[in-house]
């Protein structure tokens, strides 16, 4: 129970020569004369039991020689010492940023980061002893893929933020888990953006809001704050709703209140409840005081109610009067229901309006079914209903205004607004608010945008449309469309001499190549990937690990038994973490059902570590292998549960979410009818069935008009 916090005094007896670490610094070490040493550690600050940690082993210890305010070390398995420098340096910078933002020192006596070769979770924020998978802590900063750098820093920053949010001040019960996880998620993006701006972590976070809105708009989606009266289902609360929706609500709060007011409120809350417990009501009281107005009740509805608001916006410019925007509030319904039914939110809405080269931001609280917001100056050329994509709501414009915004004024939008535009269009398509021909035409216009994250979202949108709406006879025409939209970006990134391009090129090129291979049937890129795989299998040192992430799955897709055996053989040669991840993913990419079954069997025989099952089971998301992967899962489900543990059950359930037809939905429902176990798993099954049903419904609605549109474009 997190409300019970107390200092812990720990002593550990271990073999002489082993490194022993715990939450607090070591006080004494006493050899017993028989090859063992008793280590006593100083008393910790008050902690709940879930934050108590220790580790014993033949580790390497790498200490910071920088100017960190507390002793800072990375602890690794023997032989991994050279890879610790990057995380150590970044941890110092991120810790400094966090200290400044919170306005108070790091609250514990020391900070160790322990790199674990295999772990069921990515990282844990034990006070003074953060643990993380070694793939997140051990990488060469000079050669690592920027995506690896981004995620490593985000995880580091997330766990460091917990020192204040969760460790210094701990929620009294699990219904306030968002105070830990949402704050850590939101602050991690801000911190990484500050210390490594070229990775654009804050804009990456904007892009993730679309994904969590898709989850949040499903029937039966949980709220951020859940009752959990007896603690049942706590593990299921560690989900995207708690982390990502909670972070999105905080982003909205910052845009609405101002950064200074939000920061001041959090700092006052920490000061009052340091080393104790506090809840959401306590935080909202501090925010109300800092903002000098009641804000907690507005934010409360976003946390206690599931779902996504829908804001309909329409520009009005009556003659002789000031222009205004008419707003209407509803609930976004992906299933196309009554948007005005049950919309309990007061929505902070910020609009951007543009006329010529000037833009203006205007904010208002939409606290009723409708409201008119007056704009300054003359009638604008355009409006965007969610300035900087900061609000947690979907929005619509009348179709002519939306088409003009995308076609004529898109370049006037901020990067965050342009990133959010793809997701907004897709949400309107799914809800039946936008015809598919208008949607695809809009994607074609957006394809001229060169911002990396915009293009990444375009790629994702094209992939989802292919899965849901492309009839097999139209696949060549759709592949031609993909090549037409994406090849210019790959050419641009390949040929540019721009010194600022490397990060964008390194991050975006793999996604473009994957899309052009898997969606665009690009023969040249496919042949190159297969050649790289052959070179690697002949000489593992001949190809950079980052290239293998793309090449090996492509080569495996149509591979034979010889290629399968070669990949398994390479897996047994103790490759570096990036190469190993590429090999595991490749083993899950075989379309031959027999070879795919053998790959999946590696989960059960111990060849693959438990946390690697997610990569090898991605095959179930690929149409060509889905049926074979599902049959294997049905046959081996019990063995998988035993091998992976109870915490993996929900993940196994979600593997069925790749289906997109009613017959498969019924099959999945029958299979899980007697395998649901805990109530939280029953909820996961229901959400998966909703996902399949949603996809099937969307497919039936979109396939005919998309087929007609592709036919009208002419043969590829």
Foldseek 3Di string as FASTA:
>chain_A
DFQQWDWDKDKDKDFPQKDKDWQAAWDDWADPVPRIIIIIGDIWQTGDPVLTDMDIGNWDKAWDPDDAPATEIEIEHPPLVVQQVVLRVLLSQLQVVLCVLLVHHQDTHHAYEYADCDDQDAWDQRRRYIYGHNLLRGHDPVPDQVVSVLVSQLVSQLSSNQSQQDTFANANDLLQVLSNQQVSNLVSLVSCCVPPVLSVSVLVLLLCLLVVQVQLQFPPRAFLGDCCPPVPPSLVSPDCRSHNLSNLLVLLVCVQQPVVLLSQLSSVLSVVATSGYDHLVSSQVSSCVSSVHRDSVQSVCRRHPTFAKEKEWEWDADPPDFIKIKIFIFTQHLQQDDRNPDGQHFWWKWKWFAADLDIDIDIDTNRDRMDIGGDPDHRGPAMDGHALSSTRHAYDYPVVRLLCCLQPPVVSHDSSSLLCPLSSLVSCLSNVNDAPLSNVVSLQSSLVDLDLSSVVSSLVVLVLCCLQAADVVCQQLSLVVLCVSQVVNLVCLVPDPPPSRPSSSSVRNLSSLQSNVPRNVDPVSLVVLLVLLVVCLVPVVPDDLSSLLRRLLSNQQADDPVSLVSLLVVLVPPDPPSNNLSSLLSQLNYLPLVSLLVSLCCLLVVSDQLSSNVNSLCNCLPVSRVVSSVVSCLVCVVSNCVSNDPSCLLVSLLSLLSAAADVSLVVSCVSCVPPQPRPVSVSSNVSSSSSNPSSNVSRVVRHVVVVVVSVVVPRD
